[in-house]
């Protein structure tokens, strides 16, 4: 082996640690990019009478409020 003084050893350790941290950050960035937001399979409904929020399946456009029983329409806001 060849001799390494303290300064060189510390520099090598620091470079390797920063390279490892950079690799972890790049892997995390790529993982988050692959797991993008997906649209929900449901609509959010808000009862105009009792202001109760509930979820309807995407196939339905209106439903009955589970709190007061009034028919409510799904919001179409994006």
PDB file of N, CA and C in Angstrom:
ATOM      1  N   UNK A   1       0.836  -1.191   0.000  1.00  0.00           N
ATOM      2  CA  UNK A   1       0.000   0.000   0.000  1.00  0.00           C
ATOM      3  C   UNK A   1       0.878   1.251   0.000  1.00  0.00           C
ATOM      4  N   UNK A   2       0.264   2.346  -0.231  1.00  0.00           N
ATOM      5  CA  UNK A   2       0.991   3.613  -0.246  1.00  0.00           C
ATOM      6  C   UNK A   2       0.519   4.452   0.942  1.00  0.00           C
ATOM      7  N   UNK A   3       1.377   5.253   1.475  1.00  0.00           N
ATOM      8  CA  UNK A   3       1.015   6.046   2.659  1.00  0.00           C
ATOM      9  C   UNK A   3       0.066   7.195   2.300  1.00  0.00           C
ATOM     10  N   UNK A   4      -0.900   7.420   3.180  1.00  0.00           N
ATOM     11  CA  UNK A   4      -1.849   8.525   3.015  1.00  0.00           C
ATOM     12  C   UNK A   4      -1.776   9.378   4.275  1.00  0.00           C
ATOM     13  N   UNK A   5      -1.526  10.659   4.114  1.00  0.00           N
ATOM     14  CA  UNK A   5      -1.511  11.537   5.280  1.00  0.00           C
ATOM     15  C   UNK A   5      -2.948  11.913   5.671  1.00  0.00           C
ATOM     16  N   UNK A   6      -3.095  12.580   6.774  1.00  0.00           N
ATOM     17  CA  UNK A   6      -4.413  12.896   7.333  1.00  0.00           C
ATOM     18  C   UNK A   6      -5.240  13.768   6.400  1.00  0.00           C
ATOM     19  N   UNK A   7      -4.638  14.780   5.815  1.00  0.00           N
ATOM     20  CA  UNK A   7      -5.371  15.700   4.934  1.00  0.00           C
ATOM     21  C   UNK A   7      -5.905  14.978   3.706  1.00  0.00           C
ATOM     22  N   UNK A   8      -5.086  14.141   3.096  1.00  0.00           N
ATOM     23  CA  UNK A   8      -5.516  13.412   1.904  1.00  0.00           C
ATOM     24  C   UNK A   8      -6.607  12.409   2.255  1.00  0.00           C
ATOM     25  N   UNK A   9      -6.454  11.716   3.344  1.00  0.00           N
ATOM     26  CA  UNK A   9      -7.467  10.759   3.784  1.00  0.00           C
ATOM     27  C   UNK A   9      -8.800  11.438   4.078  1.00  0.00           C
ATOM     28  N   UNK A  10      -8.755  12.571   4.737  1.00  0.00           N
ATOM     29  CA  UNK A  10      -9.983  13.306   5.043  1.00  0.00           C
ATOM     30  C   UNK A  10     -10.643  13.804   3.759  1.00  0.00           C
ATOM     31  N   UNK A  11      -9.849  14.279   2.821  1.00  0.00           N
ATOM     32  CA  UNK A  11     -10.375  14.757   1.542  1.00  0.00           C
ATOM     33  C   UNK A  11     -11.036  13.619   0.765  1.00  0.00           C
ATOM     34  N   UNK A  12     -10.394  12.447   0.727  1.00  0.00           N
ATOM     35  CA  UNK A  12     -10.977  11.292   0.036  1.00  0.00           C
ATOM     36  C   UNK A  12     -12.288  10.892   0.711  1.00  0.00           C
ATOM     37  N   UNK A  13     -12.298  10.845   2.027  1.00  0.00           N
ATOM     38  CA  UNK A  13     -13.512  10.514   2.771  1.00  0.00           C
ATOM     39  C   UNK A  13     -14.625  11.525   2.479  1.00  0.00           C
ATOM     40  N   UNK A  14     -14.308  12.798   2.477  1.00  0.00           N
ATOM     41  CA  UNK A  14     -15.289  13.847   2.227  1.00  0.00           C
ATOM     42  C   UNK A  14     -15.849  13.754   0.810  1.00  0.00           C
ATOM     43  N   UNK A  15     -15.001  13.526  -0.172  1.00  0.00           N
ATOM     44  CA  UNK A  15     -15.449  13.403  -1.563  1.00  0.00           C
ATOM     45  C   UNK A  15     -16.357  12.189  -1.721  1.00  0.00           C
ATOM     46  N   UNK A  16     -15.984  11.060  -1.141  1.00  0.00           N
ATOM     47  CA  UNK A  16     -16.817   9.858  -1.235  1.00  0.00           C
ATOM     48  C   UNK A  16     -18.160  10.041  -0.520  1.00  0.00           C
ATOM     49  N   UNK A  17     -18.159  10.695   0.628  1.00  0.00           N
ATOM     50  CA  UNK A  17     -19.404  10.944   1.355  1.00  0.00           C
ATOM     51  C   UNK A  17     -20.328  11.865   0.562  1.00  0.00           C
ATOM     52  N   UNK A  18     -19.781  12.911  -0.027  1.00  0.00           N
ATOM     53  CA  UNK A  18     -20.595  13.829  -0.830  1.00  0.00           C
ATOM     54  C   UNK A  18     -21.096  13.148  -2.106  1.00  0.00           C
ATOM     55  N   UNK A  19     -20.285  12.289  -2.705  1.00  0.00           N
ATOM     56  CA  UNK A  19     -20.720  11.551  -3.892  1.00  0.00           C
ATOM     57  C   UNK A  19     -21.858  10.593  -3.536  1.00  0.00           C
ATOM     58  N   UNK A  20     -21.753   9.942  -2.402  1.00  0.00           N
ATOM     59  CA  UNK A  20     -22.834   9.058  -1.950  1.00  0.00           C
ATOM     60  C   UNK A  20     -24.110   9.830  -1.674  1.00  0.00           C
ATOM     61  N   UNK A  21     -23.992  10.972  -1.028  1.00  0.00           N
ATOM     62  CA  UNK A  21     -25.162  11.809  -0.761  1.00  0.00           C
ATOM     63  C   UNK A  21     -25.786  12.306  -2.062  1.00  0.00           C
ATOM     64  N   UNK A  22     -24.963  12.688  -3.016  1.00  0.00           N
ATOM     65  CA  UNK A  22     -25.474  13.116  -4.324  1.00  0.00           C
ATOM     66  C   UNK A  22     -26.196  11.981  -5.032  1.00  0.00           C
ATOM     67  N   UNK A  23     -25.663  10.768  -4.949  1.00  0.00           N
ATOM     68  CA  UNK A  23     -26.308   9.617  -5.583  1.00  0.00           C
ATOM     69  C   UNK A  23     -27.664   9.335  -4.949  1.00  0.00           C
ATOM     70  N   UNK A  24     -27.745   9.462  -3.631  1.00  0.00           N
ATOM     71  CA  UNK A  24     -29.024   9.252  -2.946  1.00  0.00           C
ATOM     72  C   UNK A  24     -30.032  10.328  -3.348  1.00  0.00           C
ATOM     73  N   UNK A  25     -29.608  11.574  -3.450  1.00  0.00           N
ATOM     74  CA  UNK A  25     -30.506  12.652  -3.857  1.00  0.00           C
ATOM     75  C   UNK A  25     -30.993  12.468  -5.290  1.00  0.00           C
ATOM     76  N   UNK A  26     -30.126  12.049  -6.181  1.00  0.00           N
ATOM     77  CA  UNK A  26     -30.533  11.808  -7.573  1.00  0.00           C
ATOM     78  C   UNK A  26     -31.507  10.641  -7.645  1.00  0.00           C
ATOM     79  N   UNK A  27     -31.246   9.569  -6.905  1.00  0.00           N
ATOM     80  CA  UNK A  27     -32.161   8.422  -6.891  1.00  0.00           C
ATOM     81  C   UNK A  27     -33.523   8.822  -6.338  1.00  0.00           C
ATOM     82  N   UNK A  28     -33.548   9.648  -5.292  1.00  0.00           N
ATOM     83  CA  UNK A  28     -34.817  10.104  -4.729  1.00  0.00           C
ATOM     84  C   UNK A  28     -35.577  10.981  -5.716  1.00  0.00           C
ATOM     85  N   UNK A  29     -34.866  11.849  -6.409  1.00  0.00           N
ATOM     86  CA  UNK A  29     -35.499  12.709  -7.413  1.00  0.00           C
ATOM     87  C   UNK A  29     -36.127  11.879  -8.522  1.00  0.00           C
ATOM     88  N   UNK A  30     -35.399  10.886  -9.017  1.00  0.00           N
ATOM     89  CA  UNK A  30     -35.925  10.030 -10.081  1.00  0.00           C
ATOM     90  C   UNK A  30     -37.102   9.190  -9.595  1.00  0.00           C
ATOM     91  N   UNK A  31     -37.059   8.732  -8.350  1.00  0.00           N
ATOM     92  CA  UNK A  31     -38.158   7.941  -7.794  1.00  0.00           C
ATOM     93  C   UNK A  31     -39.418   8.792  -7.668  1.00  0.00           C
ATOM     94  N   UNK A  32     -39.280  10.021  -7.199  1.00  0.00           N
ATOM     95  CA  UNK A  32     -40.433  10.908  -7.066  1.00  0.00           C
ATOM     96  C   UNK A  32     -41.010  11.275  -8.428  1.00  0.00           C
ATOM     97  N   UNK A  33     -40.163  11.396  -9.421  1.00  0.00           N
ATOM     98  CA  UNK A  33     -40.639  11.727 -10.764  1.00  0.00           C
ATOM     99  C   UNK A  33     -41.444  10.577 -11.365  1.00  0.00           C
ATOM    100  N   UNK A  34     -41.056   9.350 -11.068  1.00  0.00           N
ATOM    101  CA  UNK A  34     -41.795   8.191 -11.570  1.00  0.00           C
ATOM    102  C   UNK A  34     -43.143   8.052 -10.887  1.00  0.00           C
ATOM    103  N   UNK A  35     -43.228   8.449  -9.632  1.00  0.00           N
ATOM    104  CA  UNK A  35     -44.470   8.308  -8.882  1.00  0.00           C
ATOM    105  C   UNK A  35     -45.246   9.619  -8.907  1.00  0.00           C
ATOM    106  N   UNK A  36     -45.656  10.020 -10.077  1.00  0.00           N
ATOM    107  CA  UNK A  36     -46.364  11.295 -10.250  1.00  0.00           C
ATOM    108  C   UNK A  36     -47.771  11.195  -9.663  1.00  0.00           C
ATOM    109  N   UNK A  37     -48.374  12.354  -9.471  1.00  0.00           N
ATOM    110  CA  UNK A  37     -49.743  12.402  -8.964  1.00  0.00           C
ATOM    111  C   UNK A  37     -50.681  11.767  -9.974  1.00  0.00           C
ATOM    112  N   UNK A  38     -51.654  11.041  -9.453  1.00  0.00           N
ATOM    113  CA  UNK A  38     -52.661  10.432 -10.311  1.00  0.00           C
ATOM    114  C   UNK A  38     -54.024  10.999  -9.936  1.00  0.00           C
ATOM    115  N   UNK A  39     -54.893  11.094 -10.942  1.00  0.00           N
ATOM    116  CA  UNK A  39     -56.236  11.570 -10.681  1.00  0.00           C
ATOM    117  C   UNK A  39     -56.987  10.573  -9.821  1.00  0.00           C
ATOM    118  N   UNK A  40     -57.793  11.089  -8.965  1.00  0.00           N
ATOM    119  CA  UNK A  40     -58.583  10.243  -8.086  1.00  0.00           C
ATOM    120  C   UNK A  40     -59.669   9.531  -8.874  1.00  0.00           C
ATOM    121  N   UNK A  41     -60.095   8.408  -8.366  1.00  0.00           N
ATOM    122  CA  UNK A  41     -61.174   7.660  -8.992  1.00  0.00           C
ATOM    123  C   UNK A  41     -62.532   8.059  -8.400  1.00  0.00           C
ATOM    124  N   UNK A  42     -62.599   9.196  -7.753  1.00  0.00           N
ATOM    125  CA  UNK A  42     -63.838   9.609  -7.104  1.00  0.00           C
ATOM    126  C   UNK A  42     -64.031  11.124  -7.225  1.00  0.00           C
ATOM    127  N   UNK A  43     -65.255  11.560  -7.000  1.00  0.00           N
ATOM    128  CA  UNK A  43     -65.608  12.984  -6.978  1.00  0.00           C
ATOM    129  C   UNK A  43     -65.863  13.400  -5.535  1.00  0.00           C
ATOM    130  N   UNK A  44     -65.527  14.617  -5.241  1.00  0.00           N
ATOM    131  CA  UNK A  44     -65.822  15.168  -3.928  1.00  0.00           C
ATOM    132  C   UNK A  44     -67.140  15.920  -4.000  1.00  0.00           C
ATOM    133  N   UNK A  45     -68.060  15.584  -3.121  1.00  0.00           N
ATOM    134  CA  UNK A  45     -69.353  16.269  -3.066  1.00  0.00           C
ATOM    135  C   UNK A  45     -69.441  17.039  -1.758  1.00  0.00           C
ATOM    136  N   UNK A  46     -70.086  18.189  -1.846  1.00  0.00           N
ATOM    137  CA  UNK A  46     -70.331  18.986  -0.651  1.00  0.00           C
ATOM    138  C   UNK A  46     -71.804  19.336  -0.627  1.00  0.00           C
ATOM    139  N   UNK A  47     -72.469  18.958   0.443  1.00  0.00           N
ATOM    140  CA  UNK A  47     -73.897  19.212   0.575  1.00  0.00           C
ATOM    141  C   UNK A  47     -74.123  20.707   0.784  1.00  0.00           C
ATOM    142  N   UNK A  48     -75.000  21.329  -0.014  1.00  0.00           N
ATOM    143  CA  UNK A  48     -75.237  22.767   0.150  1.00  0.00           C
ATOM    144  C   UNK A  48     -76.046  23.101   1.404  1.00  0.00           C
ATOM    145  N   UNK A  49     -76.707  22.117   1.990  1.00  0.00           N
ATOM    146  CA  UNK A  49     -77.533  22.365   3.171  1.00  0.00           C
ATOM    147  C   UNK A  49     -76.712  22.228   4.461  1.00  0.00           C
ATOM    148  N   UNK A  50     -76.110  21.047   4.648  1.00  0.00           N
ATOM    149  CA  UNK A  50     -75.406  20.797   5.914  1.00  0.00           C
ATOM    150  C   UNK A  50     -73.886  20.937   5.792  1.00  0.00           C
ATOM    151  N   UNK A  51     -73.369  21.199   4.583  1.00  0.00           N
ATOM    152  CA  UNK A  51     -71.941  21.401   4.307  1.00  0.00           C
ATOM    153  C   UNK A  51     -71.099  20.177   4.660  1.00  0.00           C
ATOM    154  N   UNK A  52     -71.711  19.008   4.590  1.00  0.00           N
ATOM    155  CA  UNK A  52     -71.000  17.758   4.832  1.00  0.00           C
ATOM    156  C   UNK A  52     -70.284  17.349   3.542  1.00  0.00           C
ATOM    157  N   UNK A  53     -69.006  16.994   3.628  1.00  0.00           N
ATOM    158  CA  UNK A  53     -68.245  16.539   2.465  1.00  0.00           C
ATOM    159  C   UNK A  53     -68.243  15.023   2.431  1.00  0.00           C
ATOM    160  N   UNK A  54     -68.453  14.468   1.232  1.00  0.00           N
ATOM    161  CA  UNK A  54     -68.406  13.027   1.067  1.00  0.00           C
ATOM    162  C   UNK A  54     -67.935  12.704  -0.339  1.00  0.00           C
ATOM    163  N   UNK A  55     -67.593  11.459  -0.573  1.00  0.00           N
ATOM    164  CA  UNK A  55     -66.985  11.051  -1.841  1.00  0.00           C
ATOM    165  C   UNK A  55     -67.938  10.159  -2.614  1.00  0.00           C
ATOM    166  N   UNK A  56     -68.052  10.455  -3.920  1.00  0.00           N
ATOM    167  CA  UNK A  56     -68.838   9.634  -4.838  1.00  0.00           C
ATOM    168  C   UNK A  56     -67.903   8.933  -5.816  1.00  0.00           C
ATOM    169  N   UNK A  57     -68.242   7.740  -6.273  1.00  0.00           N
ATOM    170  CA  UNK A  57     -67.450   7.118  -7.334  1.00  0.00           C
ATOM    171  C   UNK A  57     -67.492   7.961  -8.606  1.00  0.00           C
ATOM    172  N   UNK A  58     -66.477   7.859  -9.430  1.00  0.00           N
ATOM    173  CA  UNK A  58     -66.366   8.677 -10.631  1.00  0.00           C
ATOM    174  C   UNK A  58     -67.514   8.414 -11.608  1.00  0.00           C
ATOM    175  N   UNK A  59     -68.120   7.248 -11.570  1.00  0.00           N
ATOM    176  CA  UNK A  59     -69.205   6.923 -12.490  1.00  0.00           C
ATOM    177  C   UNK A  59     -70.505   7.647 -12.150  1.00  0.00           C
ATOM    178  N   UNK A  60     -70.641   8.137 -10.933  1.00  0.00           N
ATOM    179  CA  UNK A  60     -71.861   8.845 -10.523  1.00  0.00           C
ATOM    180  C   UNK A  60     -71.632  10.349 -10.565  1.00  0.00           C
ATOM    181  N   UNK A  61     -72.677  11.094 -10.941  1.00  0.00           N
ATOM    182  CA  UNK A  61     -72.570  12.551 -10.954  1.00  0.00           C
ATOM    183  C   UNK A  61     -73.351  13.192  -9.819  1.00  0.00           C
ATOM    184  N   UNK A  62     -74.219  12.440  -9.192  1.00  0.00           N
ATOM    185  CA  UNK A  62     -74.948  12.956  -8.039  1.00  0.00           C
ATOM    186  C   UNK A  62     -75.191  11.813  -7.069  1.00  0.00           C
ATOM    187  N   UNK A  63     -75.399  12.189  -5.836  1.00  0.00           N
ATOM    188  CA  UNK A  63     -75.631  11.195  -4.796  1.00  0.00           C
ATOM    189  C   UNK A  63     -76.366  11.805  -3.633  1.00  0.00           C
ATOM    190  N   UNK A  64     -76.698  10.971  -2.685  1.00  0.00           N
ATOM    191  CA  UNK A  64     -77.446  11.415  -1.512  1.00  0.00           C
ATOM    192  C   UNK A  64     -76.478  11.664  -0.361  1.00  0.00           C
ATOM    193  N   UNK A  65     -76.643  12.802   0.280  1.00  0.00           N
ATOM    194  CA  UNK A  65     -75.805  13.156   1.421  1.00  0.00           C
ATOM    195  C   UNK A  65     -76.051  12.151   2.547  1.00  0.00           C
ATOM    196  N   UNK A  66     -75.006  11.527   3.071  1.00  0.00           N
ATOM    197  CA  UNK A  66     -75.204  10.559   4.147  1.00  0.00           C
ATOM    198  C   UNK A  66     -75.598  11.212   5.472  1.00  0.00           C
ATOM    199  N   UNK A  67     -75.424  12.515   5.562  1.00  0.00           N
ATOM    200  CA  UNK A  67     -75.730  13.211   6.809  1.00  0.00           C
ATOM    201  C   UNK A  67     -77.180  13.682   6.875  1.00  0.00           C
ATOM    202  N   UNK A  68     -77.654  14.344   5.803  1.00  0.00           N
ATOM    203  CA  UNK A  68     -79.012  14.901   5.838  1.00  0.00           C
ATOM    204  C   UNK A  68     -79.951  14.269   4.819  1.00  0.00           C
ATOM    205  N   UNK A  69     -79.428  13.507   3.849  1.00  0.00           N
ATOM    206  CA  UNK A  69     -80.273  12.823   2.888  1.00  0.00           C
ATOM    207  C   UNK A  69     -80.619  13.613   1.639  1.00  0.00           C
ATOM    208  N   UNK A  70     -80.119  14.820   1.487  1.00  0.00           N
ATOM    209  CA  UNK A  70     -80.418  15.636   0.319  1.00  0.00           C
ATOM    210  C   UNK A  70     -79.568  15.186  -0.879  1.00  0.00           C
ATOM    211  N   UNK A  71     -80.128  15.272  -2.074  1.00  0.00           N
ATOM    212  CA  UNK A  71     -79.404  14.924  -3.290  1.00  0.00           C
ATOM    213  C   UNK A  71     -78.413  16.036  -3.622  1.00  0.00           C
ATOM    214  N   UNK A  72     -77.171  15.649  -3.878  1.00  0.00           N
ATOM    215  CA  UNK A  72     -76.102  16.604  -4.161  1.00  0.00           C
ATOM    216  C   UNK A  72     -75.421  16.205  -5.456  1.00  0.00           C
ATOM    217  N   UNK A  73     -74.865  17.200  -6.150  1.00  0.00           N
ATOM    218  CA  UNK A  73     -74.159  16.975  -7.392  1.00  0.00           C
ATOM    219  C   UNK A  73     -72.657  17.103  -7.149  1.00  0.00           C
ATOM    220  N   UNK A  74     -71.896  16.279  -7.840  1.00  0.00           N
ATOM    221  CA  UNK A  74     -70.435  16.292  -7.692  1.00  0.00           C
ATOM    222  C   UNK A  74     -69.868  17.577  -8.281  1.00  0.00           C
ATOM    223  N   UNK A  75     -68.862  18.115  -7.637  1.00  0.00           N
ATOM    224  CA  UNK A  75     -68.209  19.327  -8.162  1.00  0.00           C
ATOM    225  C   UNK A  75     -67.323  18.944  -9.334  1.00  0.00           C
ATOM    226  N   UNK A  76     -67.237  19.817 -10.319  1.00  0.00           N
ATOM    227  CA  UNK A  76     -66.436  19.565 -11.520  1.00  0.00           C
ATOM    228  C   UNK A  76     -65.188  20.431 -11.546  1.00  0.00           C
ATOM    229  N   UNK A  77     -64.845  21.065 -10.458  1.00  0.00           N
ATOM    230  CA  UNK A  77     -63.656  21.924 -10.422  1.00  0.00           C
ATOM    231  C   UNK A  77     -62.398  21.091 -10.493  1.00  0.00           C
ATOM    232  N   UNK A  78     -61.409  21.630 -11.180  1.00  0.00           N
ATOM    233  CA  UNK A  78     -60.101  20.951 -11.302  1.00  0.00           C
ATOM    234  C   UNK A  78     -59.045  21.800 -10.658  1.00  0.00           C
TER     235      UNK A  78
END
